[in-house]
Amino acid sequence: MPEGHTIHRLAKDYAEAFVTGGPLRVTSPQGKFSDAAALLDRTPLHATDAHGKHLFLGFAEPEPEHADWVHIHLGLFGKVTFGPAPAPPPTDTVRLRLADDTSYVDLRGPATCALITDGEKRAVHDRLGPDPLRPDADPARAYRRISRSRTTIAALLMDQKVIAGVGNVYRAEVLFRHGIDPYRAGRDIRPAQWDAIWADLVALMREGVRHNRIDTVRPEHTPEAMGRPPRVDDHGGEVYVYRRAHLPCHICGGEIRTADLAARNLFWCPACQRP
């Protein structure tokens, strides 16, 4: 499932493609979004927004009683494809196509693609935790929940009600970067530790938006600096522990471990992240 930096990057890309343009052709070749697409067809895209793993495309100026937002959650299988005009004939897997005279964007396989009101959009924001990539994020709100919880910090970082946008990669990497045992209870995370984790997530995820990939190793641990081969993985990016189970740690040389936690694979270095 894409992590929050990908969704913010998509919001930026949609805006660059269409927000300053005119009315769009809005269609649903698959047919599952056809009624809503017909309502939006020939209207301009005026805004994009992202919160955690949720993407919003705004097609009408928000009003107290009505606003047109397309709410998208890619889930495990959703894909977005950008291309130049003229758009090719769509396949029957395209849930939503936006197109104008210069470009098109196809959405396939999302977990959610729904037309919602401004009030419904606010309700989505209200149920999510603070997002490190949003200027309105309040890290203290997340820490209040974390500091009262017996749940492991690894599970809390993946709980979108606690903090929005962090997925398995950022979770594993930020805990390694701060030497924190993933099984430590949230209530045992000190305020200064949380402040450092949050600041690191903000910086790492901003870089993720900029480069459209996740890189978490510090300059002194890059392949060039260490004289090691670069990572080969469909995830891309240089990391410390994610998907490196049974390989040697870049720092201590010990074996990276993996385990199942809340139905997701956890990766950590027991030597660098001592209990």
Protein backbone atom coordinates (compact mmCIF):
# COMPACT_ATOMS: atom_id res chain seq x y z
CA MET A 1 0.00 0.00 0.00
CA PRO A 2 1.42 3.43 -0.89
CA GLU A 3 2.67 5.49 2.04
CA GLY A 4 1.72 9.08 2.70
CA HIS A 5 4.49 10.67 0.64
CA THR A 6 3.10 9.00 -2.48
CA ILE A 7 -0.39 10.41 -1.90
CA HIS A 8 0.95 13.93 -1.34
CA ARG A 9 3.01 13.57 -4.50
CA LEU A 10 -0.12 12.51 -6.41
CA ALA A 11 -2.01 15.55 -5.09
CA LYS A 12 0.83 17.74 -6.34
CA ASP A 13 0.91 15.98 -9.73
CA TYR A 14 -2.87 16.22 -10.23
CA ALA A 15 -2.72 19.93 -9.38
CA GLU A 16 0.14 20.59 -11.78
CA ALA A 17 -1.68 18.75 -14.56
CA PHE A 18 -5.13 20.28 -14.21
CA VAL A 19 -5.78 22.92 -11.53
CA THR A 20 -4.89 25.94 -13.66
CA GLY A 21 -6.72 24.57 -16.69
CA GLY A 22 -10.29 24.62 -17.88
CA PRO A 23 -13.14 22.11 -17.81
CA LEU A 24 -12.12 18.45 -17.85
CA ARG A 25 -13.54 15.38 -19.43
CA VAL A 26 -14.44 13.14 -16.49
CA THR A 27 -15.35 9.56 -17.33
CA SER A 28 -15.52 6.10 -15.76
CA PRO A 29 -14.78 3.53 -18.45
CA GLN A 30 -15.19 0.74 -15.91
CA GLY A 31 -18.66 2.04 -15.07
CA LYS A 32 -18.38 1.85 -11.26
CA PHE A 33 -18.09 5.65 -10.97
CA SER A 34 -20.14 6.59 -14.02
CA ASP A 35 -23.01 8.46 -12.29
CA ALA A 36 -20.61 10.69 -10.33
CA ALA A 37 -18.38 11.15 -13.37
CA ALA A 38 -21.36 12.40 -15.37
CA LEU A 39 -22.02 15.03 -12.70
CA LEU A 40 -18.42 16.22 -12.78
CA ASP A 41 -17.88 16.08 -16.53
CA ARG A 42 -16.97 19.44 -18.13
CA THR A 43 -16.12 21.02 -14.76
CA PRO A 44 -12.63 22.23 -13.76
CA LEU A 45 -10.46 20.78 -11.03
CA HIS A 46 -9.97 23.63 -8.56
CA ALA A 47 -8.08 21.98 -5.69
CA THR A 48 -6.28 18.86 -4.52
CA ASP A 49 -5.64 17.75 -0.95
CA ALA A 50 -4.04 14.83 0.87
CA HIS A 51 -4.19 13.54 4.42
CA GLY A 52 -2.29 10.38 5.22
CA LYS A 53 -3.22 7.81 2.60
CA HIS A 54 -6.34 9.68 1.48
CA LEU A 55 -6.41 11.83 -1.68
CA PHE A 56 -9.08 14.44 -2.45
CA LEU A 57 -9.82 16.08 -5.80
CA GLY A 58 -12.01 19.19 -5.59
CA PHE A 59 -14.33 19.98 -8.50
CA ALA A 60 -16.40 22.85 -7.08
CA GLU A 61 -15.78 25.80 -4.82
CA PRO A 62 -16.67 24.63 -1.31
CA GLU A 63 -20.05 25.90 -0.14
CA PRO A 64 -21.82 25.40 3.20
CA GLU A 65 -24.35 23.00 1.71
CA HIS A 66 -22.50 21.42 -1.19
CA ALA A 67 -19.07 20.70 -2.57
CA ASP A 68 -17.82 18.12 -5.01
CA TRP A 69 -14.79 16.18 -3.80
CA VAL A 70 -13.62 12.87 -5.20
CA HIS A 71 -12.27 10.86 -2.28
CA ILE A 72 -9.63 8.31 -3.32
CA HIS A 73 -7.89 5.66 -1.25
CA LEU A 74 -5.62 3.46 -3.34
CA GLY A 75 -5.58 0.54 -0.92
CA LEU A 76 -3.40 -2.41 -1.86
CA PHE A 77 -4.05 -2.46 -5.59
CA GLY A 78 -4.81 1.11 -6.69
CA LYS A 79 -2.67 2.66 -9.42
CA VAL A 80 -2.57 6.12 -11.01
CA THR A 81 -1.13 6.67 -14.48
CA PHE A 82 -0.33 10.09 -16.00
CA GLY A 83 0.16 10.59 -19.71
CA PRO A 84 0.14 13.25 -22.45
CA ALA A 85 -2.77 13.92 -24.79
CA PRO A 86 -4.16 12.44 -26.86
CA ALA A 87 -5.31 9.84 -24.35
CA PRO A 88 -5.32 6.27 -25.64
CA PRO A 89 -8.57 4.30 -25.67
CA PRO A 90 -9.24 3.38 -22.02
CA THR A 91 -9.31 -0.20 -20.82
CA ASP A 92 -12.29 -1.46 -18.86
CA THR A 93 -10.20 -1.42 -15.66
CA VAL A 94 -10.09 2.39 -15.50
CA ARG A 95 -12.31 3.57 -12.63
CA LEU A 96 -11.77 7.29 -13.27
CA ARG A 97 -10.21 9.18 -16.16
CA LEU A 98 -9.55 12.92 -16.15
CA ALA A 99 -8.48 14.43 -19.46
CA ASP A 100 -8.01 17.75 -21.25
CA ASP A 101 -6.20 18.90 -24.36
CA THR A 102 -2.74 18.39 -22.87
CA SER A 103 -2.84 15.35 -20.58
CA TYR A 104 -4.86 12.57 -18.98
CA VAL A 105 -4.81 10.62 -15.71
CA ASP A 106 -6.21 7.12 -15.19
CA LEU A 107 -7.14 5.62 -11.82
CA ARG A 108 -7.35 1.83 -11.56
CA GLY A 109 -8.21 -0.53 -8.72
CA PRO A 110 -8.68 1.88 -5.80
CA ALA A 111 -10.17 0.71 -2.53
CA THR A 112 -12.23 3.93 -2.49
CA CYS A 113 -13.36 6.28 -5.25
CA ALA A 114 -16.39 8.23 -4.12
CA LEU A 115 -18.02 11.61 -4.64
CA ILE A 116 -18.42 13.27 -1.25
CA THR A 117 -19.51 16.58 0.22
CA ASP A 118 -17.32 19.05 2.05
CA GLY A 119 -18.81 17.87 5.36
CA GLU A 120 -18.00 14.25 4.54
CA LYS A 121 -14.46 15.29 3.67
CA ARG A 122 -14.08 16.99 7.05
CA ALA A 123 -15.28 13.79 8.73
CA VAL A 124 -12.45 11.86 7.05
CA HIS A 125 -9.91 14.39 8.33
CA ASP A 126 -11.42 14.22 11.83
CA ARG A 127 -10.94 10.49 12.14
CA LEU A 128 -7.30 10.58 11.03
CA GLY A 129 -4.28 11.36 13.14
CA PRO A 130 -1.87 14.21 12.35
CA ASP A 131 -0.01 13.89 9.05
CA PRO A 132 3.70 14.86 9.11
CA LEU A 133 3.30 16.37 5.63
CA ARG A 134 0.42 18.70 6.47
CA PRO A 135 1.06 22.21 7.80
CA ASP A 136 -1.87 21.86 10.22
CA ALA A 137 -0.46 18.72 11.87
CA ASP A 138 -0.25 18.68 15.67
CA PRO A 139 2.34 16.10 16.84
CA ALA A 140 1.27 16.64 20.46
CA ARG A 141 -2.12 15.18 19.58
CA ALA A 142 -0.45 11.95 18.46
CA TYR A 143 1.80 11.85 21.52
CA ARG A 144 -1.15 12.16 23.89
CA ARG A 145 -2.46 8.86 22.54
CA ILE A 146 0.95 7.23 22.35
CA SER A 147 1.97 8.21 25.90
CA ARG A 148 -1.16 6.58 27.37
CA SER A 149 -0.92 3.34 25.43
CA ARG A 150 0.42 -0.09 26.36
CA THR A 151 0.46 -0.96 22.64
CA THR A 152 3.86 -1.29 20.98
CA ILE A 153 5.24 1.81 19.32
CA ALA A 154 5.58 -0.19 16.08
CA ALA A 155 1.83 -0.85 16.03
CA LEU A 156 0.96 2.71 17.06
CA LEU A 157 2.98 4.22 14.20
CA MET A 158 0.91 2.17 11.75
CA ASP A 159 -2.42 3.19 13.31
CA GLN A 160 -3.80 5.88 11.00
CA LYS A 161 -5.97 7.23 13.84
CA VAL A 162 -2.78 7.99 15.77
CA ILE A 163 -0.56 9.28 12.97
CA ALA A 164 -1.61 9.41 9.33
CA GLY A 165 0.55 8.46 6.36
CA VAL A 166 3.21 6.30 8.02
CA GLY A 167 3.42 2.83 6.51
CA ASN A 168 5.61 -0.20 6.98
CA VAL A 169 8.75 1.34 5.46
CA TYR A 170 8.77 4.61 7.40
CA ARG A 171 7.76 2.76 10.57
CA ALA A 172 10.70 0.35 10.41
CA GLU A 173 13.21 2.96 9.32
CA VAL A 174 12.41 5.75 11.75
CA LEU A 175 12.55 3.35 14.73
CA PHE A 176 15.94 2.10 13.57
CA ARG A 177 17.25 5.62 13.04
CA HIS A 178 16.41 6.44 16.66
CA GLY A 179 17.54 3.13 18.16
CA ILE A 180 14.09 2.29 19.51
CA ASP A 181 12.99 -1.29 20.08
CA PRO A 182 9.79 -1.72 18.02
CA TYR A 183 8.22 -3.69 20.87
CA ARG A 184 8.56 -0.84 23.36
CA ALA A 185 5.17 0.28 24.69
CA GLY A 186 3.97 3.69 23.57
CA ARG A 187 3.78 4.90 27.16
CA ASP A 188 7.54 4.28 27.49
CA ILE A 189 8.41 6.68 24.67
CA ARG A 190 9.75 9.85 26.29
CA PRO A 191 8.61 13.28 25.02
CA ALA A 192 12.05 14.11 23.64
CA GLN A 193 12.13 10.80 21.77
CA TRP A 194 8.74 11.50 20.24
CA ASP A 195 9.79 15.00 19.20
CA ALA A 196 12.84 13.53 17.46
CA ILE A 197 10.79 10.80 15.73
CA TRP A 198 8.24 13.33 14.49
CA ALA A 199 10.88 15.75 13.18
CA ASP A 200 12.61 12.89 11.40
CA LEU A 201 9.34 11.72 9.79
CA VAL A 202 8.65 15.24 8.55
CA ALA A 203 12.10 15.46 6.95
CA LEU A 204 12.11 11.94 5.49
CA MET A 205 8.60 12.15 4.08
CA ARG A 206 9.26 15.56 2.52
CA GLU A 207 12.23 14.02 0.75
CA GLY A 208 9.95 11.17 -0.30
CA VAL A 209 7.58 13.64 -1.95
CA ARG A 210 10.46 15.44 -3.66
CA HIS A 211 12.12 12.32 -5.08
CA ASN A 212 9.06 10.04 -5.27
CA ARG A 213 10.85 7.25 -3.40
CA ILE A 214 11.89 6.42 0.15
CA ASP A 215 15.54 6.89 1.12
CA THR A 216 16.37 6.72 4.81
CA VAL A 217 20.11 6.10 5.12
CA ARG A 218 22.29 8.94 6.28
CA PRO A 219 25.05 10.26 3.96
CA GLU A 220 27.75 8.26 5.74
CA HIS A 221 25.84 5.01 5.13
CA THR A 222 25.10 5.32 1.41
CA PRO A 223 26.56 2.67 -0.95
CA GLU A 224 29.12 5.21 -2.21
CA ALA A 225 30.27 6.14 1.30
CA MET A 226 30.46 2.53 2.52
CA GLY A 227 31.72 0.93 -0.68
CA ARG A 228 28.83 -1.55 -0.73
CA PRO A 229 26.54 -2.48 -3.61
CA PRO A 230 23.30 -0.50 -3.92
CA ARG A 231 20.03 -2.02 -2.87
CA VAL A 232 18.15 -4.04 -5.46
CA ASP A 233 14.45 -4.15 -4.64
CA ASP A 234 11.19 -3.20 -6.32
CA HIS A 235 10.61 -0.74 -3.46
CA GLY A 236 13.69 1.25 -4.47
CA GLY A 237 15.58 3.61 -2.22
CA GLU A 238 18.32 2.96 0.32
CA VAL A 239 17.12 1.72 3.71
CA TYR A 240 18.55 0.30 6.92
CA VAL A 241 16.24 -2.60 7.80
CA TYR A 242 13.09 -2.72 5.63
CA ARG A 243 13.04 -5.96 3.61
CA ARG A 244 16.59 -6.71 4.71
CA ALA A 245 15.76 -9.70 6.92
CA HIS A 246 18.79 -11.94 7.66
CA LEU A 247 21.19 -9.50 6.01
CA PRO A 248 23.91 -7.72 8.00
CA CYS A 249 23.09 -4.38 9.57
CA HIS A 250 24.88 -1.44 7.91
CA ILE A 251 25.89 -0.12 11.35
CA CYS A 252 26.77 -3.06 13.59
CA GLY A 253 26.97 -5.99 11.17
CA GLY A 254 24.44 -8.00 13.15
CA GLU A 255 21.56 -9.86 11.52
CA ILE A 256 18.40 -7.95 10.68
CA ARG A 257 15.34 -9.68 12.11
CA THR A 258 11.78 -9.93 10.89
CA ALA A 259 8.54 -10.90 12.62
CA ASP A 260 4.81 -10.56 12.15
CA LEU A 261 3.18 -7.72 14.04
CA ALA A 262 -0.47 -6.79 13.51
CA ALA A 263 -0.54 -8.70 10.20
CA ARG A 264 2.44 -6.77 8.79
CA ASN A 265 6.11 -7.71 8.55
CA LEU A 266 8.28 -5.92 11.07
CA PHE A 267 12.00 -5.41 10.44
CA TRP A 268 14.59 -4.35 13.03
CA CYS A 269 18.16 -4.79 14.27
CA PRO A 270 18.18 -6.27 17.80
CA ALA A 271 21.67 -4.93 18.47
CA CYS A 272 21.00 -1.35 17.39
CA GLN A 273 17.46 -1.27 18.79
CA ARG A 274 17.93 -2.78 22.22
CA PRO A 275 14.96 -3.14 24.60
